[in-house]
ModelCIF file with pLDDT and N, C-alpha, C, O atoms, coordinates in Angstrom:
data_MODEL
#
_entry.id   MODEL 
#
_entity.id                         1 
_entity.type                       polymer 
_entity.pdbx_number_of_molecules   1 
#
_entity_poly.entity_id                      1 
_entity_poly.type                           'polypeptide(L)' 
_entity_poly.nstd_linkage                   no 
_entity_poly.nstd_monomer                   no 
_entity_poly.pdbx_seq_one_letter_code       ESGGGLVQPGGSLTLSCAASGSIDTFNTMGWYRQAPGKQRELVATITY 
_entity_poly.pdbx_seq_one_letter_code_can   ESGGGLVQPGGSLTLSCAASGSIDTFNTMGWYRQAPGKQRELVATITY 
_entity_poly.pdbx_strand_id                 A 
#
loop_
_entity_poly_seq.entity_id 
_entity_poly_seq.num 
_entity_poly_seq.mon_id 
_entity_poly_seq.hetero 
1 1  GLU n 
1 2  SER n 
1 3  GLY n 
1 4  GLY n 
1 5  GLY n 
1 6  LEU n 
1 7  VAL n 
1 8  GLN n 
1 9  PRO n 
1 10 GLY n 
1 11 GLY n 
1 12 SER n 
1 13 LEU n 
1 14 THR n 
1 15 LEU n 
1 16 SER n 
1 17 CYS n 
1 18 ALA n 
1 19 ALA n 
1 20 SER n 
1 21 GLY n 
1 22 SER n 
1 23 ILE n 
1 24 ASP n 
1 25 THR n 
1 26 PHE n 
1 27 ASN n 
1 28 THR n 
1 29 MET n 
1 30 GLY n 
1 31 TRP n 
1 32 TYR n 
1 33 ARG n 
1 34 GLN n 
1 35 ALA n 
1 36 PRO n 
1 37 GLY n 
1 38 LYS n 
1 39 GLN n 
1 40 ARG n 
1 41 GLU n 
1 42 LEU n 
1 43 VAL n 
1 44 ALA n 
1 45 THR n 
1 46 ILE n 
1 47 THR n 
1 48 TYR n 
#
_struct_asym.id          A 
_struct_asym.entity_id   1 
#
loop_
_ma_qa_metric.id 
_ma_qa_metric.mode 
_ma_qa_metric.name 
_ma_qa_metric.software_group_id 
_ma_qa_metric.type 
1 global pLDDT . pLDDT 
2 local  pLDDT . pLDDT 
#
_ma_qa_metric_global.metric_id      1 
_ma_qa_metric_global.metric_value   95.33 
_ma_qa_metric_global.model_id       1 
_ma_qa_metric_global.ordinal_id     1 
#
loop_
_ma_qa_metric_local.label_asym_id 
_ma_qa_metric_local.label_comp_id 
_ma_qa_metric_local.label_seq_id 
_ma_qa_metric_local.metric_id 
_ma_qa_metric_local.metric_value 
_ma_qa_metric_local.model_id 
_ma_qa_metric_local.ordinal_id 
A GLU 1  2 96.00 1 1  
A SER 2  2 96.00 1 2  
A GLY 3  2 96.00 1 3  
A GLY 4  2 94.00 1 4  
A GLY 5  2 96.00 1 5  
A LEU 6  2 97.00 1 6  
A VAL 7  2 97.00 1 7  
A GLN 8  2 97.00 1 8  
A PRO 9  2 97.00 1 9  
A GLY 10 2 97.00 1 10 
A GLY 11 2 98.00 1 11 
A SER 12 2 98.00 1 12 
A LEU 13 2 98.00 1 13 
A THR 14 2 98.00 1 14 
A LEU 15 2 98.00 1 15 
A SER 16 2 98.00 1 16 
A CYS 17 2 98.00 1 17 
A ALA 18 2 97.00 1 18 
A ALA 19 2 96.00 1 19 
A SER 20 2 93.00 1 20 
A GLY 21 2 90.00 1 21 
A SER 22 2 88.00 1 22 
A ILE 23 2 87.00 1 23 
A ASP 24 2 86.00 1 24 
A THR 25 2 80.00 1 25 
A PHE 26 2 85.00 1 26 
A ASN 27 2 93.00 1 27 
A THR 28 2 96.00 1 28 
A MET 29 2 97.00 1 29 
A GLY 30 2 97.00 1 30 
A TRP 31 2 98.00 1 31 
A TYR 32 2 98.00 1 32 
A ARG 33 2 98.00 1 33 
A GLN 34 2 98.00 1 34 
A ALA 35 2 96.00 1 35 
A PRO 36 2 92.00 1 36 
A GLY 37 2 94.00 1 37 
A LYS 38 2 96.00 1 38 
A GLN 39 2 97.00 1 39 
A ARG 40 2 97.00 1 40 
A GLU 41 2 98.00 1 41 
A LEU 42 2 98.00 1 42 
A VAL 43 2 98.00 1 43 
A ALA 44 2 98.00 1 44 
A THR 45 2 98.00 1 45 
A ILE 46 2 98.00 1 46 
A THR 47 2 96.00 1 47 
A TYR 48 2 94.00 1 48 
#
loop_
_atom_site.group_PDB 
_atom_site.id 
_atom_site.type_symbol 
_atom_site.label_atom_id 
_atom_site.label_alt_id 
_atom_site.label_comp_id 
_atom_site.label_asym_id 
_atom_site.label_entity_id 
_atom_site.label_seq_id 
_atom_site.pdbx_PDB_ins_code 
_atom_site.Cartn_x 
_atom_site.Cartn_y 
_atom_site.Cartn_z 
_atom_site.occupancy 
_atom_site.B_iso_or_equiv 
_atom_site.pdbx_formal_charge 
_atom_site.auth_seq_id 
_atom_site.auth_comp_id 
_atom_site.auth_asym_id 
_atom_site.auth_atom_id 
_atom_site.pdbx_PDB_model_num 
ATOM 1   N N  . GLU A 1 1  ? 91.729  86.192  119.128 1.00 96.00 ? 1  GLU A N  1 
ATOM 2   C CA . GLU A 1 1  ? 90.647  87.132  119.386 1.00 96.00 ? 1  GLU A CA 1 
ATOM 3   C C  . GLU A 1 1  ? 89.490  86.435  120.079 1.00 96.00 ? 1  GLU A C  1 
ATOM 4   O O  . GLU A 1 1  ? 89.310  85.223  119.964 1.00 96.00 ? 1  GLU A O  1 
ATOM 5   N N  . SER A 1 2  ? 88.719  87.220  120.791 1.00 96.00 ? 2  SER A N  1 
ATOM 6   C CA . SER A 1 2  ? 87.480  86.731  121.393 1.00 96.00 ? 2  SER A CA 1 
ATOM 7   C C  . SER A 1 2  ? 86.528  87.906  121.563 1.00 96.00 ? 2  SER A C  1 
ATOM 8   O O  . SER A 1 2  ? 86.932  89.067  121.499 1.00 96.00 ? 2  SER A O  1 
ATOM 9   N N  . GLY A 1 3  ? 85.251  87.582  121.782 1.00 96.00 ? 3  GLY A N  1 
ATOM 10  C CA . GLY A 1 3  ? 84.281  88.614  122.104 1.00 96.00 ? 3  GLY A CA 1 
ATOM 11  C C  . GLY A 1 3  ? 83.309  88.966  121.000 1.00 96.00 ? 3  GLY A C  1 
ATOM 12  O O  . GLY A 1 3  ? 82.408  89.777  121.214 1.00 96.00 ? 3  GLY A O  1 
ATOM 13  N N  . GLY A 1 4  ? 83.464  88.383  119.829 1.00 94.00 ? 4  GLY A N  1 
ATOM 14  C CA . GLY A 1 4  ? 82.522  88.672  118.767 1.00 94.00 ? 4  GLY A CA 1 
ATOM 15  C C  . GLY A 1 4  ? 81.162  88.049  119.042 1.00 94.00 ? 4  GLY A C  1 
ATOM 16  O O  . GLY A 1 4  ? 80.989  87.285  119.991 1.00 94.00 ? 4  GLY A O  1 
ATOM 17  N N  . GLY A 1 5  ? 80.198  88.394  118.188 1.00 96.00 ? 5  GLY A N  1 
ATOM 18  C CA . GLY A 1 5  ? 78.866  87.823  118.356 1.00 96.00 ? 5  GLY A CA 1 
ATOM 19  C C  . GLY A 1 5  ? 77.816  88.622  117.635 1.00 96.00 ? 5  GLY A C  1 
ATOM 20  O O  . GLY A 1 5  ? 78.116  89.449  116.774 1.00 96.00 ? 5  GLY A O  1 
ATOM 21  N N  . LEU A 1 6  ? 76.577  88.363  117.999 1.00 97.00 ? 6  LEU A N  1 
ATOM 22  C CA . LEU A 1 6  ? 75.425  89.040  117.401 1.00 97.00 ? 6  LEU A CA 1 
ATOM 23  C C  . LEU A 1 6  ? 74.922  90.105  118.364 1.00 97.00 ? 6  LEU A C  1 
ATOM 24  O O  . LEU A 1 6  ? 74.748  89.841  119.554 1.00 97.00 ? 6  LEU A O  1 
ATOM 25  N N  . VAL A 1 7  ? 74.692  91.293  117.856 1.00 97.00 ? 7  VAL A N  1 
ATOM 26  C CA . VAL A 1 7  ? 74.208  92.391  118.678 1.00 97.00 ? 7  VAL A CA 1 
ATOM 27  C C  . VAL A 1 7  ? 73.220  93.209  117.863 1.00 97.00 ? 7  VAL A C  1 
ATOM 28  O O  . VAL A 1 7  ? 73.333  93.288  116.639 1.00 97.00 ? 7  VAL A O  1 
ATOM 29  N N  . GLN A 1 8  ? 72.260  93.813  118.531 1.00 97.00 ? 8  GLN A N  1 
ATOM 30  C CA . GLN A 1 8  ? 71.282  94.648  117.850 1.00 97.00 ? 8  GLN A CA 1 
ATOM 31  C C  . GLN A 1 8  ? 71.882  96.020  117.529 1.00 97.00 ? 8  GLN A C  1 
ATOM 32  O O  . GLN A 1 8  ? 72.808  96.465  118.208 1.00 97.00 ? 8  GLN A O  1 
ATOM 33  N N  . PRO A 1 9  ? 71.371  96.675  116.519 1.00 97.00 ? 9  PRO A N  1 
ATOM 34  C CA . PRO A 1 9  ? 71.824  98.044  116.238 1.00 97.00 ? 9  PRO A CA 1 
ATOM 35  C C  . PRO A 1 9  ? 71.705  98.926  117.469 1.00 97.00 ? 9  PRO A C  1 
ATOM 36  O O  . PRO A 1 9  ? 70.708  98.890  118.190 1.00 97.00 ? 9  PRO A O  1 
ATOM 37  N N  . GLY A 1 10 ? 72.746  99.719  117.689 1.00 97.00 ? 10 GLY A N  1 
ATOM 38  C CA . GLY A 1 10 ? 72.796  100.555 118.881 1.00 97.00 ? 10 GLY A CA 1 
ATOM 39  C C  . GLY A 1 10 ? 73.437  99.884  120.079 1.00 97.00 ? 10 GLY A C  1 
ATOM 40  O O  . GLY A 1 10 ? 73.694  100.530 121.094 1.00 97.00 ? 10 GLY A O  1 
ATOM 41  N N  . GLY A 1 11 ? 73.693  98.605  119.966 1.00 98.00 ? 11 GLY A N  1 
ATOM 42  C CA . GLY A 1 11 ? 74.272  97.862  121.068 1.00 98.00 ? 11 GLY A CA 1 
ATOM 43  C C  . GLY A 1 11 ? 75.782  97.988  121.137 1.00 98.00 ? 11 GLY A C  1 
ATOM 44  O O  . GLY A 1 11 ? 76.401  98.726  120.370 1.00 98.00 ? 11 GLY A O  1 
ATOM 45  N N  . SER A 1 12 ? 76.363  97.246  122.081 1.00 98.00 ? 12 SER A N  1 
ATOM 46  C CA . SER A 1 12 ? 77.802  97.308  122.335 1.00 98.00 ? 12 SER A CA 1 
ATOM 47  C C  . SER A 1 12 ? 78.409  95.914  122.392 1.00 98.00 ? 12 SER A C  1 
ATOM 48  O O  . SER A 1 12 ? 77.749  94.937  122.746 1.00 98.00 ? 12 SER A O  1 
ATOM 49  N N  . LEU A 1 13 ? 79.670  95.856  122.038 1.00 98.00 ? 13 LEU A N  1 
ATOM 50  C CA . LEU A 1 13 ? 80.472  94.640  122.180 1.00 98.00 ? 13 LEU A CA 1 
ATOM 51  C C  . LEU A 1 13 ? 81.891  95.054  122.514 1.00 98.00 ? 13 LEU A C  1 
ATOM 52  O O  . LEU A 1 13 ? 82.339  96.140  122.149 1.00 98.00 ? 13 LEU A O  1 
ATOM 53  N N  . THR A 1 14 ? 82.588  94.177  123.208 1.00 98.00 ? 14 THR A N  1 
ATOM 54  C CA . THR A 1 14 ? 84.007  94.384  123.455 1.00 98.00 ? 14 THR A CA 1 
ATOM 55  C C  . THR A 1 14 ? 84.789  93.200  122.915 1.00 98.00 ? 14 THR A C  1 
ATOM 56  O O  . THR A 1 14 ? 84.542  92.055  123.294 1.00 98.00 ? 14 THR A O  1 
ATOM 57  N N  . LEU A 1 15 ? 85.723  93.479  122.037 1.00 98.00 ? 15 LEU A N  1 
ATOM 58  C CA . LEU A 1 15 ? 86.612  92.455  121.508 1.00 98.00 ? 15 LEU A CA 1 
ATOM 59  C C  . LEU A 1 15 ? 87.917  92.459  122.303 1.00 98.00 ? 15 LEU A C  1 
ATOM 60  O O  . LEU A 1 15 ? 88.396  93.505  122.741 1.00 98.00 ? 15 LEU A O  1 
ATOM 61  N N  . SER A 1 16 ? 88.471  91.272  122.475 1.00 98.00 ? 16 SER A N  1 
ATOM 62  C CA . SER A 1 16 ? 89.753  91.127  123.152 1.00 98.00 ? 16 SER A CA 1 
ATOM 63  C C  . SER A 1 16 ? 90.700  90.339  122.262 1.00 98.00 ? 16 SER A C  1 
ATOM 64  O O  . SER A 1 16 ? 90.275  89.502  121.466 1.00 98.00 ? 16 SER A O  1 
ATOM 65  N N  . CYS A 1 17 ? 91.982  90.617  122.408 1.00 98.00 ? 17 CYS A N  1 
ATOM 66  C CA . CYS A 1 17 ? 92.997  89.894  121.649 1.00 98.00 ? 17 CYS A CA 1 
ATOM 67  C C  . CYS A 1 17 ? 94.180  89.638  122.575 1.00 98.00 ? 17 CYS A C  1 
ATOM 68  O O  . CYS A 1 17 ? 94.737  90.561  123.169 1.00 98.00 ? 17 CYS A O  1 
ATOM 69  N N  . ALA A 1 18 ? 94.547  88.375  122.682 1.00 97.00 ? 18 ALA A N  1 
ATOM 70  C CA . ALA A 1 18 ? 95.682  87.978  123.504 1.00 97.00 ? 18 ALA A CA 1 
ATOM 71  C C  . ALA A 1 18 ? 96.853  87.638  122.604 1.00 97.00 ? 18 ALA A C  1 
ATOM 72  O O  . ALA A 1 18 ? 96.737  86.820  121.692 1.00 97.00 ? 18 ALA A O  1 
ATOM 73  N N  . ALA A 1 19 ? 97.982  88.276  122.871 1.00 96.00 ? 19 ALA A N  1 
ATOM 74  C CA . ALA A 1 19 ? 99.195  88.021  122.097 1.00 96.00 ? 19 ALA A CA 1 
ATOM 75  C C  . ALA A 1 19 ? 100.159 87.185  122.919 1.00 96.00 ? 19 ALA A C  1 
ATOM 76  O O  . ALA A 1 19 ? 100.275 87.365  124.131 1.00 96.00 ? 19 ALA A O  1 
ATOM 77  N N  . SER A 1 20 ? 100.847 86.275  122.254 1.00 93.00 ? 20 SER A N  1 
ATOM 78  C CA . SER A 1 20 ? 101.851 85.453  122.918 1.00 93.00 ? 20 SER A CA 1 
ATOM 79  C C  . SER A 1 20 ? 102.976 85.157  121.938 1.00 93.00 ? 20 SER A C  1 
ATOM 80  O O  . SER A 1 20 ? 102.823 85.308  120.726 1.00 93.00 ? 20 SER A O  1 
ATOM 81  N N  . GLY A 1 21 ? 104.108 84.732  122.486 1.00 90.00 ? 21 GLY A N  1 
ATOM 82  C CA . GLY A 1 21 ? 105.247 84.397  121.634 1.00 90.00 ? 21 GLY A CA 1 
ATOM 83  C C  . GLY A 1 21 ? 106.349 85.433  121.743 1.00 90.00 ? 21 GLY A C  1 
ATOM 84  O O  . GLY A 1 21 ? 106.561 86.023  122.803 1.00 90.00 ? 21 GLY A O  1 
ATOM 85  N N  . SER A 1 22 ? 107.046 85.647  120.642 1.00 88.00 ? 22 SER A N  1 
ATOM 86  C CA . SER A 1 22 ? 108.217 86.536  120.601 1.00 88.00 ? 22 SER A CA 1 
ATOM 87  C C  . SER A 1 22 ? 107.781 87.978  120.348 1.00 88.00 ? 22 SER A C  1 
ATOM 88  O O  . SER A 1 22 ? 107.841 88.480  119.225 1.00 88.00 ? 22 SER A O  1 
ATOM 89  N N  . ILE A 1 23 ? 107.346 88.618  121.411 1.00 87.00 ? 23 ILE A N  1 
ATOM 90  C CA . ILE A 1 23 ? 106.798 89.970  121.296 1.00 87.00 ? 23 ILE A CA 1 
ATOM 91  C C  . ILE A 1 23 ? 107.851 90.989  121.696 1.00 87.00 ? 23 ILE A C  1 
ATOM 92  O O  . ILE A 1 23 ? 108.382 90.937  122.805 1.00 87.00 ? 23 ILE A O  1 
ATOM 93  N N  . ASP A 1 24 ? 108.151 91.908  120.802 1.00 86.00 ? 24 ASP A N  1 
ATOM 94  C CA . ASP A 1 24 ? 109.052 92.994  121.121 1.00 86.00 ? 24 ASP A CA 1 
ATOM 95  C C  . ASP A 1 24 ? 108.351 93.999  122.019 1.00 86.00 ? 24 ASP A C  1 
ATOM 96  O O  . ASP A 1 24 ? 107.127 94.127  122.003 1.00 86.00 ? 24 ASP A O  1 
ATOM 97  N N  . THR A 1 25 ? 109.150 94.708  122.800 1.00 80.00 ? 25 THR A N  1 
ATOM 98  C CA . THR A 1 25 ? 108.575 95.699  123.695 1.00 80.00 ? 25 THR A CA 1 
ATOM 99  C C  . THR A 1 25 ? 107.825 96.767  122.924 1.00 80.00 ? 25 THR A C  1 
ATOM 100 O O  . THR A 1 25 ? 106.715 97.142  123.300 1.00 80.00 ? 25 THR A O  1 
ATOM 101 N N  . PHE A 1 26 ? 108.419 97.258  121.851 1.00 85.00 ? 26 PHE A N  1 
ATOM 102 C CA . PHE A 1 26 ? 107.811 98.359  121.102 1.00 85.00 ? 26 PHE A CA 1 
ATOM 103 C C  . PHE A 1 26 ? 107.098 97.812  119.875 1.00 85.00 ? 26 PHE A C  1 
ATOM 104 O O  . PHE A 1 26 ? 107.722 97.396  118.898 1.00 85.00 ? 26 PHE A O  1 
ATOM 105 N N  . ASN A 1 27 ? 105.791 97.825  119.953 1.00 93.00 ? 27 ASN A N  1 
ATOM 106 C CA . ASN A 1 27 ? 105.010 97.319  118.833 1.00 93.00 ? 27 ASN A CA 1 
ATOM 107 C C  . ASN A 1 27 ? 103.721 98.134  118.747 1.00 93.00 ? 27 ASN A C  1 
ATOM 108 O O  . ASN A 1 27 ? 103.365 98.877  119.662 1.00 93.00 ? 27 ASN A O  1 
ATOM 109 N N  . THR A 1 28 ? 103.053 97.973  117.648 1.00 96.00 ? 28 THR A N  1 
ATOM 110 C CA . THR A 1 28 ? 101.745 98.584  117.469 1.00 96.00 ? 28 THR A CA 1 
ATOM 111 C C  . THR A 1 28 ? 100.739 97.461  117.306 1.00 96.00 ? 28 THR A C  1 
ATOM 112 O O  . THR A 1 28 ? 100.943 96.537  116.519 1.00 96.00 ? 28 THR A O  1 
ATOM 113 N N  . MET A 1 29 ? 99.668  97.548  118.045 1.00 97.00 ? 29 MET A N  1 
ATOM 114 C CA . MET A 1 29 ? 98.588  96.576  117.920 1.00 97.00 ? 29 MET A CA 1 
ATOM 115 C C  . MET A 1 29 ? 97.356  97.272  117.368 1.00 97.00 ? 29 MET A C  1 
ATOM 116 O O  . MET A 1 29 ? 97.183  98.481  117.522 1.00 97.00 ? 29 MET A O  1 
ATOM 117 N N  . GLY A 1 30 ? 96.515  96.496  116.732 1.00 97.00 ? 30 GLY A N  1 
ATOM 118 C CA . GLY A 1 30 ? 95.353  97.126  116.141 1.00 97.00 ? 30 GLY A CA 1 
ATOM 119 C C  . GLY A 1 30 ? 94.276  96.145  115.766 1.00 97.00 ? 30 GLY A C  1 
ATOM 120 O O  . GLY A 1 30 ? 94.425  94.929  115.895 1.00 97.00 ? 30 GLY A O  1 
ATOM 121 N N  . TRP A 1 31 ? 93.193  96.710  115.299 1.00 98.00 ? 31 TRP A N  1 
ATOM 122 C CA . TRP A 1 31 ? 92.047  95.948  114.812 1.00 98.00 ? 31 TRP A CA 1 
ATOM 123 C C  . TRP A 1 31 ? 91.739  96.368  113.382 1.00 98.00 ? 31 TRP A C  1 
ATOM 124 O O  . TRP A 1 31 ? 91.724  97.553  113.050 1.00 98.00 ? 31 TRP A O  1 
ATOM 125 N N  . TYR A 1 32 ? 91.499  95.385  112.564 1.00 98.00 ? 32 TYR A N  1 
ATOM 126 C CA . TYR A 1 32 ? 91.072  95.575  111.185 1.00 98.00 ? 32 TYR A CA 1 
ATOM 127 C C  . TYR A 1 32 ? 89.800  94.763  110.992 1.00 98.00 ? 32 TYR A C  1 
ATOM 128 O O  . TYR A 1 32 ? 89.502  93.867  111.782 1.00 98.00 ? 32 TYR A O  1 
ATOM 129 N N  . ARG A 1 33 ? 89.058  95.076  109.950 1.00 98.00 ? 33 ARG A N  1 
ATOM 130 C CA . ARG A 1 33 ? 87.848  94.307  109.684 1.00 98.00 ? 33 ARG A CA 1 
ATOM 131 C C  . ARG A 1 33 ? 87.663  94.099  108.189 1.00 98.00 ? 33 ARG A C  1 
ATOM 132 O O  . ARG A 1 33 ? 88.153  94.864  107.357 1.00 98.00 ? 33 ARG A O  1 
ATOM 133 N N  . GLN A 1 34 ? 86.937  93.036  107.886 1.00 98.00 ? 34 GLN A N  1 
ATOM 134 C CA . GLN A 1 34 ? 86.639  92.719  106.499 1.00 98.00 ? 34 GLN A CA 1 
ATOM 135 C C  . GLN A 1 34 ? 85.178  92.307  106.392 1.00 98.00 ? 34 GLN A C  1 
ATOM 136 O O  . GLN A 1 34 ? 84.751  91.294  106.947 1.00 98.00 ? 34 GLN A O  1 
ATOM 137 N N  . ALA A 1 35 ? 84.435  93.112  105.671 1.00 96.00 ? 35 ALA A N  1 
ATOM 138 C CA . ALA A 1 35 ? 83.030  92.816  105.428 1.00 96.00 ? 35 ALA A CA 1 
ATOM 139 C C  . ALA A 1 35 ? 82.908  91.952  104.175 1.00 96.00 ? 35 ALA A C  1 
ATOM 140 O O  . ALA A 1 35 ? 83.819  91.933  103.347 1.00 96.00 ? 35 ALA A O  1 
ATOM 141 N N  . PRO A 1 36 ? 81.795  91.239  104.027 1.00 92.00 ? 36 PRO A N  1 
ATOM 142 C CA . PRO A 1 36 ? 81.630  90.389  102.842 1.00 92.00 ? 36 PRO A CA 1 
ATOM 143 C C  . PRO A 1 36 ? 81.774  91.194  101.549 1.00 92.00 ? 36 PRO A C  1 
ATOM 144 O O  . PRO A 1 36 ? 81.129  92.229  101.378 1.00 92.00 ? 36 PRO A O  1 
ATOM 145 N N  . GLY A 1 37 ? 82.620  90.711  100.647 1.00 94.00 ? 37 GLY A N  1 
ATOM 146 C CA . GLY A 1 37 ? 82.803  91.354  99.358  1.00 94.00 ? 37 GLY A CA 1 
ATOM 147 C C  . GLY A 1 37 ? 83.655  92.598  99.379  1.00 94.00 ? 37 GLY A C  1 
ATOM 148 O O  . GLY A 1 37 ? 83.785  93.280  98.362  1.00 94.00 ? 37 GLY A O  1 
ATOM 149 N N  . LYS A 1 38 ? 84.241  92.907  100.532 1.00 96.00 ? 38 LYS A N  1 
ATOM 150 C CA . LYS A 1 38 ? 85.063  94.116  100.637 1.00 96.00 ? 38 LYS A CA 1 
ATOM 151 C C  . LYS A 1 38 ? 86.477  93.774  101.078 1.00 96.00 ? 38 LYS A C  1 
ATOM 152 O O  . LYS A 1 38 ? 86.745  92.677  101.568 1.00 96.00 ? 38 LYS A O  1 
ATOM 153 N N  . GLN A 1 39 ? 87.372  94.730  100.894 1.00 97.00 ? 39 GLN A N  1 
ATOM 154 C CA . GLN A 1 39 ? 88.745  94.536  101.331 1.00 97.00 ? 39 GLN A CA 1 
ATOM 155 C C  . GLN A 1 39 ? 88.862  94.776  102.831 1.00 97.00 ? 39 GLN A C  1 
ATOM 156 O O  . GLN A 1 39 ? 88.045  95.467  103.439 1.00 97.00 ? 39 GLN A O  1 
ATOM 157 N N  . ARG A 1 40 ? 89.902  94.186  103.404 1.00 97.00 ? 40 ARG A N  1 
ATOM 158 C CA . ARG A 1 40 ? 90.178  94.417  104.817 1.00 97.00 ? 40 ARG A CA 1 
ATOM 159 C C  . ARG A 1 40 ? 90.534  95.892  105.014 1.00 97.00 ? 40 ARG A C  1 
ATOM 160 O O  . ARG A 1 40 ? 91.262  96.483  104.216 1.00 97.00 ? 40 ARG A O  1 
ATOM 161 N N  . GLU A 1 41 ? 90.003  96.474  106.098 1.00 98.00 ? 41 GLU A N  1 
ATOM 162 C CA . GLU A 1 41 ? 90.240  97.888  106.352 1.00 98.00 ? 41 GLU A CA 1 
ATOM 163 C C  . GLU A 1 41 ? 90.634  98.125  107.802 1.00 98.00 ? 41 GLU A C  1 
ATOM 164 O O  . GLU A 1 41 ? 90.298  97.348  108.696 1.00 98.00 ? 41 GLU A O  1 
ATOM 165 N N  . LEU A 1 42 ? 91.350  99.211  108.008 1.00 98.00 ? 42 LEU A N  1 
ATOM 166 C CA . LEU A 1 42 ? 91.745  99.610  109.348 1.00 98.00 ? 42 LEU A CA 1 
ATOM 167 C C  . LEU A 1 42 ? 90.530  100.012 110.163 1.00 98.00 ? 42 LEU A C  1 
ATOM 168 O O  . LEU A 1 42 ? 89.631  100.692 109.668 1.00 98.00 ? 42 LEU A O  1 
ATOM 169 N N  . VAL A 1 43 ? 90.512  99.581  111.424 1.00 98.00 ? 43 VAL A N  1 
ATOM 170 C CA . VAL A 1 43 ? 89.521  100.078 112.372 1.00 98.00 ? 43 VAL A CA 1 
ATOM 171 C C  . VAL A 1 43 ? 90.201  101.020 113.357 1.00 98.00 ? 43 VAL A C  1 
ATOM 172 O O  . VAL A 1 43 ? 89.797  102.174 113.509 1.00 98.00 ? 43 VAL A O  1 
ATOM 173 N N  . ALA A 1 44 ? 91.239  100.516 114.026 1.00 98.00 ? 44 ALA A N  1 
ATOM 174 C CA . ALA A 1 44 ? 91.956  101.326 115.010 1.00 98.00 ? 44 ALA A CA 1 
ATOM 175 C C  . ALA A 1 44 ? 93.285  100.681 115.327 1.00 98.00 ? 44 ALA A C  1 
ATOM 176 O O  . ALA A 1 44 ? 93.433  99.461  115.267 1.00 98.00 ? 44 ALA A O  1 
ATOM 177 N N  . THR A 1 45 ? 94.258  101.524 115.667 1.00 98.00 ? 45 THR A N  1 
ATOM 178 C CA . THR A 1 45 ? 95.560  101.034 116.115 1.00 98.00 ? 45 THR A CA 1 
ATOM 179 C C  . THR A 1 45 ? 95.975  101.770 117.379 1.00 98.00 ? 45 THR A C  1 
ATOM 180 O O  . THR A 1 45 ? 95.500  102.867 117.672 1.00 98.00 ? 45 THR A O  1 
ATOM 181 N N  . ILE A 1 46 ? 96.881  101.129 118.124 1.00 98.00 ? 46 ILE A N  1 
ATOM 182 C CA . ILE A 1 46 ? 97.404  101.742 119.341 1.00 98.00 ? 46 ILE A CA 1 
ATOM 183 C C  . ILE A 1 46 ? 98.863  101.339 119.497 1.00 98.00 ? 46 ILE A C  1 
ATOM 184 O O  . ILE A 1 46 ? 99.206  100.161 119.397 1.00 98.00 ? 46 ILE A O  1 
ATOM 185 N N  . THR A 1 47 ? 99.717  102.326 119.743 1.00 96.00 ? 47 THR A N  1 
ATOM 186 C CA . THR A 1 47 ? 101.131 102.030 119.928 1.00 96.00 ? 47 THR A CA 1 
ATOM 187 C C  . THR A 1 47 ? 101.394 101.543 121.343 1.00 96.00 ? 47 THR A C  1 
ATOM 188 O O  . THR A 1 47 ? 100.512 101.590 122.201 1.00 96.00 ? 47 THR A O  1 
ATOM 189 N N  . TYR A 1 48 ? 102.614 101.076 121.580 1.00 94.00 ? 48 TYR A N  1 
ATOM 190 C CA . TYR A 1 48 ? 102.983 100.624 122.918 1.00 94.00 ? 48 TYR A CA 1 
ATOM 191 C C  . TYR A 1 48 ? 102.819 101.767 123.925 1.00 94.00 ? 48 TYR A C  1 
ATOM 192 O O  . TYR A 1 48 ? 103.081 101.586 125.113 1.00 94.00 ? 48 TYR A O  1 
#
């Protein structure tokens, strides 16, 4: 992953993720997040 950082409320950021290795054609990629003291949660997913 790349693209994280500090931003003011109301601002924008774009995260990127590069995959490599043994990748099947049909897969689902997504983003999850984990805030301090909380469980990891789904943000968004996208199918092939």
